[in-house]
Amino acid sequence: MANTWNAVVLYALSGGGRRPRELRAEIGGISSKVLTETLRRLEGYALVERRVFAESPPRVEYTLTALGRTLLEPIEALGRWSAEHGDAFAAAQGWDED
């Protein structure tokens, strides 16, 4: 889970299945290549499921697995912690200096 984008992609999928283009639009700042690599990694961890629909053109959608959904609470907790303590953390690291 140490990869920068793992938690971001998992959280973006919390609202339900998404196509890659929808994920890129929702997340912002992630390239197609990095998103694809992240989705494949998460699929390999059994956190995300890839569904291919037999349509023309083919449609691919990603959803969280039951195991993936178990990570939403810790991800949300980290987000709350960051919102509450992010400025103090950045100051302690010297990141807020000009």
PDB file of N, CA and C in Angstrom:
ATOM      1  N   MET A   1       0.813  -1.212   0.000  1.00  0.00           N
ATOM      2  CA  MET A   1       0.000   0.000   0.000  1.00  0.00           C
ATOM      3  C   MET A   1       0.845   1.259   0.000  1.00  0.00           C
ATOM      4  N   ALA A   2       2.155   1.109  -0.021  1.00  0.00           N
ATOM      5  CA  ALA A   2       3.031   2.264   0.081  1.00  0.00           C
ATOM      6  C   ALA A   2       3.039   3.130  -1.177  1.00  0.00           C
ATOM      7  N   ASN A   3       2.573   2.612  -2.297  1.00  0.00           N
ATOM      8  CA  ASN A   3       2.560   3.396  -3.524  1.00  0.00           C
ATOM      9  C   ASN A   3       1.657   4.614  -3.365  1.00  0.00           C
ATOM     10  N   THR A   4       2.112   5.731  -3.891  1.00  0.00           N
ATOM     11  CA  THR A   4       1.402   7.002  -3.768  1.00  0.00           C
ATOM     12  C   THR A   4      -0.054   6.938  -4.215  1.00  0.00           C
ATOM     13  N   TRP A   5      -0.327   6.247  -5.301  1.00  0.00           N
ATOM     14  CA  TRP A   5      -1.652   6.280  -5.903  1.00  0.00           C
ATOM     15  C   TRP A   5      -2.605   5.214  -5.392  1.00  0.00           C
ATOM     16  N   ASN A   6      -2.130   4.220  -4.694  1.00  0.00           N
ATOM     17  CA  ASN A   6      -3.009   3.122  -4.265  1.00  0.00           C
ATOM     18  C   ASN A   6      -4.221   3.611  -3.490  1.00  0.00           C
ATOM     19  N   ALA A   7      -3.994   4.343  -2.420  1.00  0.00           N
ATOM     20  CA  ALA A   7      -5.098   4.811  -1.579  1.00  0.00           C
ATOM     21  C   ALA A   7      -6.007   5.766  -2.331  1.00  0.00           C
ATOM     22  N   VAL A   8      -5.428   6.586  -3.193  1.00  0.00           N
ATOM     23  CA  VAL A   8      -6.219   7.553  -3.967  1.00  0.00           C
ATOM     24  C   VAL A   8      -7.183   6.828  -4.900  1.00  0.00           C
ATOM     25  N   VAL A   9      -6.683   5.803  -5.594  1.00  0.00           N
ATOM     26  CA  VAL A   9      -7.530   5.050  -6.519  1.00  0.00           C
ATOM     27  C   VAL A   9      -8.588   4.258  -5.754  1.00  0.00           C
ATOM     28  N   LEU A  10      -8.200   3.642  -4.655  1.00  0.00           N
ATOM     29  CA  LEU A  10      -9.176   2.902  -3.851  1.00  0.00           C
ATOM     30  C   LEU A  10     -10.290   3.827  -3.382  1.00  0.00           C
ATOM     31  N   TYR A  11      -9.934   4.998  -2.893  1.00  0.00           N
ATOM     32  CA  TYR A  11     -10.945   5.946  -2.435  1.00  0.00           C
ATOM     33  C   TYR A  11     -11.836   6.411  -3.582  1.00  0.00           C
ATOM     34  N   ALA A  12     -11.249   6.619  -4.761  1.00  0.00           N
ATOM     35  CA  ALA A  12     -12.039   7.050  -5.920  1.00  0.00           C
ATOM     36  C   ALA A  12     -13.052   5.989  -6.332  1.00  0.00           C
ATOM     37  N   LEU A  13     -12.761   4.741  -6.031  1.00  0.00           N
ATOM     38  CA  LEU A  13     -13.686   3.652  -6.356  1.00  0.00           C
ATOM     39  C   LEU A  13     -14.726   3.417  -5.260  1.00  0.00           C
ATOM     40  N   SER A  14     -14.667   4.173  -4.186  1.00  0.00           N
ATOM     41  CA  SER A  14     -15.586   3.948  -3.066  1.00  0.00           C
ATOM     42  C   SER A  14     -17.038   4.212  -3.439  1.00  0.00           C
ATOM     43  N   GLY A  15     -17.269   5.023  -4.445  1.00  0.00           N
ATOM     44  CA  GLY A  15     -18.629   5.330  -4.864  1.00  0.00           C
ATOM     45  C   GLY A  15     -19.222   4.330  -5.839  1.00  0.00           C
ATOM     46  N   GLY A  16     -18.458   3.319  -6.200  1.00  0.00           N
ATOM     47  CA  GLY A  16     -18.948   2.303  -7.130  1.00  0.00           C
ATOM     48  C   GLY A  16     -18.026   2.151  -8.315  1.00  0.00           C
ATOM     49  N   GLY A  17     -18.436   1.302  -9.243  1.00  0.00           N
ATOM     50  CA  GLY A  17     -17.621   1.006 -10.415  1.00  0.00           C
ATOM     51  C   GLY A  17     -17.337   2.234 -11.257  1.00  0.00           C
ATOM     52  N   ARG A  18     -16.136   2.263 -11.801  1.00  0.00           N
ATOM     53  CA  ARG A  18     -15.715   3.387 -12.645  1.00  0.00           C
ATOM     54  C   ARG A  18     -14.918   2.859 -13.830  1.00  0.00           C
ATOM     55  N   ARG A  19     -15.057   3.550 -14.932  1.00  0.00           N
ATOM     56  CA  ARG A  19     -14.221   3.292 -16.093  1.00  0.00           C
ATOM     57  C   ARG A  19     -12.924   4.070 -15.901  1.00  0.00           C
ATOM     58  N   PRO A  20     -11.842   3.639 -16.550  1.00  0.00           N
ATOM     59  CA  PRO A  20     -10.558   4.346 -16.379  1.00  0.00           C
ATOM     60  C   PRO A  20     -10.642   5.843 -16.659  1.00  0.00           C
ATOM     61  N   ARG A  21     -11.355   6.221 -17.698  1.00  0.00           N
ATOM     62  CA  ARG A  21     -11.474   7.648 -18.030  1.00  0.00           C
ATOM     63  C   ARG A  21     -12.170   8.408 -16.893  1.00  0.00           C
ATOM     64  N   GLU A  22     -13.183   7.801 -16.307  1.00  0.00           N
ATOM     65  CA  GLU A  22     -13.893   8.433 -15.189  1.00  0.00           C
ATOM     66  C   GLU A  22     -12.962   8.580 -13.983  1.00  0.00           C
ATOM     67  N   LEU A  23     -12.166   7.554 -13.737  1.00  0.00           N
ATOM     68  CA  LEU A  23     -11.213   7.623 -12.621  1.00  0.00           C
ATOM     69  C   LEU A  23     -10.206   8.747 -12.829  1.00  0.00           C
ATOM     70  N   ARG A  24      -9.662   8.852 -14.033  1.00  0.00           N
ATOM     71  CA  ARG A  24      -8.689   9.925 -14.313  1.00  0.00           C
ATOM     72  C   ARG A  24      -9.307  11.287 -14.086  1.00  0.00           C
ATOM     73  N   ALA A  25     -10.546  11.468 -14.527  1.00  0.00           N
ATOM     74  CA  ALA A  25     -11.220  12.756 -14.359  1.00  0.00           C
ATOM     75  C   ALA A  25     -11.467  13.051 -12.884  1.00  0.00           C
ATOM     76  N   GLU A  26     -11.873  12.042 -12.127  1.00  0.00           N
ATOM     77  CA  GLU A  26     -12.171  12.235 -10.708  1.00  0.00           C
ATOM     78  C   GLU A  26     -10.901  12.502  -9.897  1.00  0.00           C
ATOM     79  N   ILE A  27      -9.848  11.761 -10.197  1.00  0.00           N
ATOM     80  CA  ILE A  27      -8.604  11.877  -9.434  1.00  0.00           C
ATOM     81  C   ILE A  27      -7.841  13.132  -9.834  1.00  0.00           C
ATOM     82  N   GLY A  28      -7.659  13.343 -11.121  1.00  0.00           N
ATOM     83  CA  GLY A  28      -6.860  14.467 -11.609  1.00  0.00           C
ATOM     84  C   GLY A  28      -5.380  14.250 -11.322  1.00  0.00           C
ATOM     85  N   GLY A  29      -4.523  14.689 -12.223  1.00  0.00           N
ATOM     86  CA  GLY A  29      -3.083  14.620 -11.996  1.00  0.00           C
ATOM     87  C   GLY A  29      -2.455  13.250 -12.137  1.00  0.00           C
ATOM     88  N   ILE A  30      -3.176  12.272 -12.646  1.00  0.00           N
ATOM     89  CA  ILE A  30      -2.632  10.931 -12.825  1.00  0.00           C
ATOM     90  C   ILE A  30      -2.665  10.605 -14.323  1.00  0.00           C
ATOM     91  N   SER A  31      -1.547  10.117 -14.835  1.00  0.00           N
ATOM     92  CA  SER A  31      -1.485   9.767 -16.249  1.00  0.00           C
ATOM     93  C   SER A  31      -2.194   8.441 -16.493  1.00  0.00           C
ATOM     94  N   SER A  32      -2.536   8.193 -17.742  1.00  0.00           N
ATOM     95  CA  SER A  32      -3.165   6.912 -18.100  1.00  0.00           C
ATOM     96  C   SER A  32      -2.261   5.746 -17.742  1.00  0.00           C
ATOM     97  N   LYS A  33      -0.972   5.904 -18.001  1.00  0.00           N
ATOM     98  CA  LYS A  33      -0.005   4.835 -17.725  1.00  0.00           C
ATOM     99  C   LYS A  33       0.052   4.514 -16.236  1.00  0.00           C
ATOM    100  N   VAL A  34       0.152   5.529 -15.412  1.00  0.00           N
ATOM    101  CA  VAL A  34       0.240   5.318 -13.961  1.00  0.00           C
ATOM    102  C   VAL A  34      -1.069   4.751 -13.423  1.00  0.00           C
ATOM    103  N   LEU A  35      -2.200   5.225 -13.932  1.00  0.00           N
ATOM    104  CA  LEU A  35      -3.485   4.682 -13.500  1.00  0.00           C
ATOM    105  C   LEU A  35      -3.591   3.201 -13.854  1.00  0.00           C
ATOM    106  N   THR A  36      -3.205   2.849 -15.072  1.00  0.00           N
ATOM    107  CA  THR A  36      -3.245   1.447 -15.489  1.00  0.00           C
ATOM    108  C   THR A  36      -2.349   0.586 -14.611  1.00  0.00           C
ATOM    109  N   GLU A  37      -1.138   1.050 -14.341  1.00  0.00           N
ATOM    110  CA  GLU A  37      -0.222   0.305 -13.476  1.00  0.00           C
ATOM    111  C   GLU A  37      -0.807   0.132 -12.077  1.00  0.00           C
ATOM    112  N   THR A  38      -1.413   1.187 -11.561  1.00  0.00           N
ATOM    113  CA  THR A  38      -1.996   1.139 -10.222  1.00  0.00           C
ATOM    114  C   THR A  38      -3.176   0.174 -10.176  1.00  0.00           C
ATOM    115  N   LEU A  39      -4.049   0.250 -11.167  1.00  0.00           N
ATOM    116  CA  LEU A  39      -5.199  -0.657 -11.204  1.00  0.00           C
ATOM    117  C   LEU A  39      -4.757  -2.110 -11.316  1.00  0.00           C
ATOM    118  N   ARG A  40      -3.749  -2.377 -12.116  1.00  0.00           N
ATOM    119  CA  ARG A  40      -3.240  -3.748 -12.244  1.00  0.00           C
ATOM    120  C   ARG A  40      -2.646  -4.238 -10.930  1.00  0.00           C
ATOM    121  N   ARG A  41      -1.910  -3.359 -10.262  1.00  0.00           N
ATOM    122  CA  ARG A  41      -1.313  -3.726  -8.967  1.00  0.00           C
ATOM    123  C   ARG A  41      -2.414  -4.024  -7.951  1.00  0.00           C
ATOM    124  N   LEU A  42      -3.417  -3.172  -7.871  1.00  0.00           N
ATOM    125  CA  LEU A  42      -4.519  -3.366  -6.926  1.00  0.00           C
ATOM    126  C   LEU A  42      -5.333  -4.606  -7.266  1.00  0.00           C
ATOM    127  N   GLU A  43      -5.460  -4.896  -8.549  1.00  0.00           N
ATOM    128  CA  GLU A  43      -6.135  -6.121  -8.967  1.00  0.00           C
ATOM    129  C   GLU A  43      -5.319  -7.336  -8.520  1.00  0.00           C
ATOM    130  N   GLY A  44      -4.002  -7.255  -8.642  1.00  0.00           N
ATOM    131  CA  GLY A  44      -3.125  -8.328  -8.195  1.00  0.00           C
ATOM    132  C   GLY A  44      -3.184  -8.549  -6.688  1.00  0.00           C
ATOM    133  N   TYR A  45      -3.457  -7.484  -5.939  1.00  0.00           N
ATOM    134  CA  TYR A  45      -3.603  -7.576  -4.481  1.00  0.00           C
ATOM    135  C   TYR A  45      -5.002  -8.040  -4.080  1.00  0.00           C
ATOM    136  N   ALA A  46      -5.876  -8.274  -5.046  1.00  0.00           N
ATOM    137  CA  ALA A  46      -7.278  -8.681  -4.822  1.00  0.00           C
ATOM    138  C   ALA A  46      -8.090  -7.579  -4.133  1.00  0.00           C
ATOM    139  N   LEU A  47      -7.715  -6.322  -4.385  1.00  0.00           N
ATOM    140  CA  LEU A  47      -8.435  -5.188  -3.815  1.00  0.00           C
ATOM    141  C   LEU A  47      -9.406  -4.573  -4.813  1.00  0.00           C
ATOM    142  N   VAL A  48      -9.151  -4.822  -6.101  1.00  0.00           N
ATOM    143  CA  VAL A  48      -9.955  -4.262  -7.181  1.00  0.00           C
ATOM    144  C   VAL A  48     -10.291  -5.377  -8.164  1.00  0.00           C
ATOM    145  N   GLU A  49     -11.491  -5.310  -8.700  1.00  0.00           N
ATOM    146  CA  GLU A  49     -11.923  -6.271  -9.706  1.00  0.00           C
ATOM    147  C   GLU A  49     -12.105  -5.550 -11.041  1.00  0.00           C
ATOM    148  N   ARG A  50     -11.613  -6.168 -12.089  1.00  0.00           N
ATOM    149  CA  ARG A  50     -11.750  -5.619 -13.444  1.00  0.00           C
ATOM    150  C   ARG A  50     -12.863  -6.392 -14.149  1.00  0.00           C
ATOM    151  N   ARG A  51     -13.828  -5.643 -14.680  1.00  0.00           N
ATOM    152  CA  ARG A  51     -14.933  -6.264 -15.412  1.00  0.00           C
ATOM    153  C   ARG A  51     -14.898  -5.790 -16.859  1.00  0.00           C
ATOM    154  N   VAL A  52     -14.955  -6.748 -17.762  1.00  0.00           N
ATOM    155  CA  VAL A  52     -15.005  -6.433 -19.189  1.00  0.00           C
ATOM    156  C   VAL A  52     -16.405  -6.755 -19.684  1.00  0.00           C
ATOM    157  N   PHE A  53     -17.053  -5.773 -20.280  1.00  0.00           N
ATOM    158  CA  PHE A  53     -18.402  -5.942 -20.796  1.00  0.00           C
ATOM    159  C   PHE A  53     -18.335  -6.228 -22.284  1.00  0.00           C
ATOM    160  N   ALA A  54     -19.088  -7.225 -22.727  1.00  0.00           N
ATOM    161  CA  ALA A  54     -19.107  -7.630 -24.132  1.00  0.00           C
ATOM    162  C   ALA A  54     -19.966  -6.661 -24.922  1.00  0.00           C
ATOM    163  N   GLU A  55     -19.400  -5.525 -25.198  1.00  0.00           N
ATOM    164  CA  GLU A  55     -20.081  -4.488 -25.963  1.00  0.00           C
ATOM    165  C   GLU A  55     -19.164  -4.076 -27.102  1.00  0.00           C
ATOM    166  N   SER A  56     -19.697  -3.302 -27.999  1.00  0.00           N
ATOM    167  CA  SER A  56     -18.879  -2.788 -29.087  1.00  0.00           C
ATOM    168  C   SER A  56     -18.959  -1.269 -29.062  1.00  0.00           C
ATOM    169  N   PRO A  57     -17.880  -0.577 -28.745  1.00  0.00           N
ATOM    170  CA  PRO A  57     -16.560  -1.098 -28.364  1.00  0.00           C
ATOM    171  C   PRO A  57     -16.590  -1.684 -26.949  1.00  0.00           C
ATOM    172  N   PRO A  58     -15.622  -2.549 -26.647  1.00  0.00           N
ATOM    173  CA  PRO A  58     -15.581  -3.168 -25.310  1.00  0.00           C
ATOM    174  C   PRO A  58     -15.485  -2.104 -24.211  1.00  0.00           C
ATOM    175  N   ARG A  59     -16.147  -2.387 -23.117  1.00  0.00           N
ATOM    176  CA  ARG A  59     -16.136  -1.460 -21.974  1.00  0.00           C
ATOM    177  C   ARG A  59     -15.508  -2.178 -20.795  1.00  0.00           C
ATOM    178  N   VAL A  60     -14.616  -1.476 -20.097  1.00  0.00           N
ATOM    179  CA  VAL A  60     -13.947  -2.010 -18.914  1.00  0.00           C
ATOM    180  C   VAL A  60     -14.314  -1.133 -17.730  1.00  0.00           C
ATOM    181  N   GLU A  61     -14.615  -1.769 -16.609  1.00  0.00           N
ATOM    182  CA  GLU A  61     -14.975  -1.050 -15.397  1.00  0.00           C
ATOM    183  C   GLU A  61     -14.266  -1.700 -14.217  1.00  0.00           C
ATOM    184  N   TYR A  62     -13.857  -0.888 -13.274  1.00  0.00           N
ATOM    185  CA  TYR A  62     -13.190  -1.373 -12.070  1.00  0.00           C
ATOM    186  C   TYR A  62     -14.058  -1.112 -10.855  1.00  0.00           C
ATOM    187  N   THR A  63     -14.102  -2.085  -9.956  1.00  0.00           N
ATOM    188  CA  THR A  63     -14.839  -1.958  -8.704  1.00  0.00           C
ATOM    189  C   THR A  63     -13.978  -2.483  -7.567  1.00  0.00           C
ATOM    190  N   LEU A  64     -14.302  -2.060  -6.368  1.00  0.00           N
ATOM    191  CA  LEU A  64     -13.624  -2.590  -5.190  1.00  0.00           C
ATOM    192  C   LEU A  64     -14.129  -3.994  -4.891  1.00  0.00           C
ATOM    193  N   THR A  65     -13.245  -4.849  -4.447  1.00  0.00           N
ATOM    194  CA  THR A  65     -13.650  -6.155  -3.935  1.00  0.00           C
ATOM    195  C   THR A  65     -14.060  -5.967  -2.475  1.00  0.00           C
ATOM    196  N   ALA A  66     -14.577  -7.016  -1.873  1.00  0.00           N
ATOM    197  CA  ALA A  66     -14.922  -6.960  -0.448  1.00  0.00           C
ATOM    198  C   ALA A  66     -13.671  -6.622   0.369  1.00  0.00           C
ATOM    199  N   LEU A  67     -12.550  -7.205  -0.005  1.00  0.00           N
ATOM    200  CA  LEU A  67     -11.293  -6.916   0.699  1.00  0.00           C
ATOM    201  C   LEU A  67     -10.883  -5.460   0.506  1.00  0.00           C
ATOM    202  N   GLY A  68     -11.048  -4.947  -0.694  1.00  0.00           N
ATOM    203  CA  GLY A  68     -10.726  -3.552  -0.970  1.00  0.00           C
ATOM    204  C   GLY A  68     -11.582  -2.593  -0.162  1.00  0.00           C
ATOM    205  N   ARG A  69     -12.866  -2.929   0.009  1.00  0.00           N
ATOM    206  CA  ARG A  69     -13.764  -2.060   0.794  1.00  0.00           C
ATOM    207  C   ARG A  69     -13.339  -1.977   2.258  1.00  0.00           C
ATOM    208  N   THR A  70     -12.646  -3.018   2.755  1.00  0.00           N
ATOM    209  CA  THR A  70     -12.202  -2.969   4.151  1.00  0.00           C
ATOM    210  C   THR A  70     -11.147  -1.896   4.381  1.00  0.00           C
ATOM    211  N   LEU A  71     -10.517  -1.412   3.323  1.00  0.00           N
ATOM    212  CA  LEU A  71      -9.489  -0.373   3.465  1.00  0.00           C
ATOM    213  C   LEU A  71     -10.061   1.036   3.468  1.00  0.00           C
ATOM    214  N   LEU A  72     -11.332   1.198   3.137  1.00  0.00           N
ATOM    215  CA  LEU A  72     -11.898   2.548   3.065  1.00  0.00           C
ATOM    216  C   LEU A  72     -11.896   3.245   4.415  1.00  0.00           C
ATOM    217  N   GLU A  73     -12.230   2.542   5.474  1.00  0.00           N
ATOM    218  CA  GLU A  73     -12.253   3.180   6.794  1.00  0.00           C
ATOM    219  C   GLU A  73     -10.867   3.699   7.194  1.00  0.00           C
ATOM    220  N   PRO A  74      -9.808   2.889   7.076  1.00  0.00           N
ATOM    221  CA  PRO A  74      -8.480   3.424   7.402  1.00  0.00           C
ATOM    222  C   PRO A  74      -8.055   4.578   6.485  1.00  0.00           C
ATOM    223  N   ILE A  75      -8.408   4.517   5.203  1.00  0.00           N
ATOM    224  CA  ILE A  75      -8.068   5.607   4.277  1.00  0.00           C
ATOM    225  C   ILE A  75      -8.788   6.883   4.686  1.00  0.00           C
ATOM    226  N   GLU A  76     -10.061   6.762   5.027  1.00  0.00           N
ATOM    227  CA  GLU A  76     -10.821   7.935   5.466  1.00  0.00           C
ATOM    228  C   GLU A  76     -10.273   8.483   6.782  1.00  0.00           C
ATOM    229  N   ALA A  77      -9.860   7.601   7.688  1.00  0.00           N
ATOM    230  CA  ALA A  77      -9.274   8.039   8.962  1.00  0.00           C
ATOM    231  C   ALA A  77      -7.980   8.812   8.716  1.00  0.00           C
ATOM    232  N   LEU A  78      -7.162   8.339   7.802  1.00  0.00           N
ATOM    233  CA  LEU A  78      -5.925   9.044   7.472  1.00  0.00           C
ATOM    234  C   LEU A  78      -6.232  10.413   6.863  1.00  0.00           C
ATOM    235  N   GLY A  79      -7.275  10.484   6.039  1.00  0.00           N
ATOM    236  CA  GLY A  79      -7.690  11.765   5.476  1.00  0.00           C
ATOM    237  C   GLY A  79      -8.123  12.747   6.555  1.00  0.00           C
ATOM    238  N   ARG A  80      -8.896  12.255   7.537  1.00  0.00           N
ATOM    239  CA  ARG A  80      -9.319  13.125   8.647  1.00  0.00           C
ATOM    240  C   ARG A  80      -8.109  13.591   9.455  1.00  0.00           C
ATOM    241  N   TRP A  81      -7.165  12.664   9.710  1.00  0.00           N
ATOM    242  CA  TRP A  81      -5.960  13.023  10.459  1.00  0.00           C
ATOM    243  C   TRP A  81      -5.180  14.097   9.698  1.00  0.00           C
ATOM    244  N   SER A  82      -5.048  13.919   8.391  1.00  0.00           N
ATOM    245  CA  SER A  82      -4.303  14.880   7.573  1.00  0.00           C
ATOM    246  C   SER A  82      -4.954  16.256   7.587  1.00  0.00           C
ATOM    247  N   ALA A  83      -6.292  16.279   7.511  1.00  0.00           N
ATOM    248  CA  ALA A  83      -6.994  17.559   7.540  1.00  0.00           C
ATOM    249  C   ALA A  83      -6.797  18.260   8.876  1.00  0.00           C
ATOM    250  N   GLU A  84      -6.777  17.478   9.952  1.00  0.00           N
ATOM    251  CA  GLU A  84      -6.650  18.048  11.290  1.00  0.00           C
ATOM    252  C   GLU A  84      -5.212  18.422  11.650  1.00  0.00           C
ATOM    253  N   HIS A  85      -4.257  17.595  11.230  1.00  0.00           N
ATOM    254  CA  HIS A  85      -2.874  17.776  11.682  1.00  0.00           C
ATOM    255  C   HIS A  85      -1.875  18.068  10.565  1.00  0.00           C
ATOM    256  N   GLY A  86      -2.350  18.193   9.340  1.00  0.00           N
ATOM    257  CA  GLY A  86      -1.447  18.374   8.202  1.00  0.00           C
ATOM    258  C   GLY A  86      -0.546  19.579   8.305  1.00  0.00           C
ATOM    259  N   ASP A  87      -1.078  20.716   8.750  1.00  0.00           N
ATOM    260  CA  ASP A  87      -0.257  21.925   8.855  1.00  0.00           C
ATOM    261  C   ASP A  87       0.849  21.748   9.888  1.00  0.00           C
ATOM    262  N   ALA A  88       0.509  21.169  11.040  1.00  0.00           N
ATOM    263  CA  ALA A  88       1.517  20.940  12.083  1.00  0.00           C
ATOM    264  C   ALA A  88       2.572  19.946  11.612  1.00  0.00           C
ATOM    265  N   PHE A  89       2.133  18.922  10.893  1.00  0.00           N
ATOM    266  CA  PHE A  89       3.074  17.933  10.372  1.00  0.00           C
ATOM    267  C   PHE A  89       4.031  18.579   9.372  1.00  0.00           C
ATOM    268  N   ALA A  90       3.478  19.380   8.449  1.00  0.00           N
ATOM    269  CA  ALA A  90       4.315  20.062   7.460  1.00  0.00           C
ATOM    270  C   ALA A  90       5.306  21.009   8.138  1.00  0.00           C
ATOM    271  N   ALA A  91       4.850  21.719   9.166  1.00  0.00           N
ATOM    272  CA  ALA A  91       5.736  22.636   9.889  1.00  0.00           C
ATOM    273  C   ALA A  91       6.865  21.874  10.571  1.00  0.00           C
ATOM    274  N   ALA A  92       6.558  20.729  11.159  1.00  0.00           N
ATOM    275  CA  ALA A  92       7.574  19.928  11.841  1.00  0.00           C
ATOM    276  C   ALA A  92       8.618  19.401  10.862  1.00  0.00           C
ATOM    277  N   GLN A  93       8.217  19.225   9.605  1.00  0.00           N
ATOM    278  CA  GLN A  93       9.149  18.737   8.584  1.00  0.00           C
ATOM    279  C   GLN A  93       9.906  19.884   7.928  1.00  0.00           C
ATOM    280  N   GLY A  94       9.512  21.110   8.215  1.00  0.00           N
ATOM    281  CA  GLY A  94      10.118  22.271   7.582  1.00  0.00           C
ATOM    282  C   GLY A  94       9.567  22.524   6.187  1.00  0.00           C
ATOM    283  N   TRP A  95       8.435  21.916   5.857  1.00  0.00           N
ATOM    284  CA  TRP A  95       7.858  22.053   4.522  1.00  0.00           C
ATOM    285  C   TRP A  95       7.125  23.369   4.328  1.00  0.00           C
ATOM    286  N   ASP A  96       6.814  24.058   5.411  1.00  0.00           N
ATOM    287  CA  ASP A  96       6.056  25.301   5.265  1.00  0.00           C
ATOM    288  C   ASP A  96       6.945  26.521   5.154  1.00  0.00           C
ATOM    289  N   GLU A  97       8.260  26.308   5.146  1.00  0.00           N
ATOM    290  CA  GLU A  97       9.195  27.420   5.057  1.00  0.00           C
ATOM    291  C   GLU A  97       9.312  27.885   3.617  1.00  0.00           C
ATOM    292  N   ASP A  98       9.443  29.187   3.425  1.00  0.00           N
ATOM    293  CA  ASP A  98       9.590  29.762   2.085  1.00  0.00           C
ATOM    294  C   ASP A  98      11.020  29.798   1.661  1.00  0.00           C
TER     295      ASP A  98
END
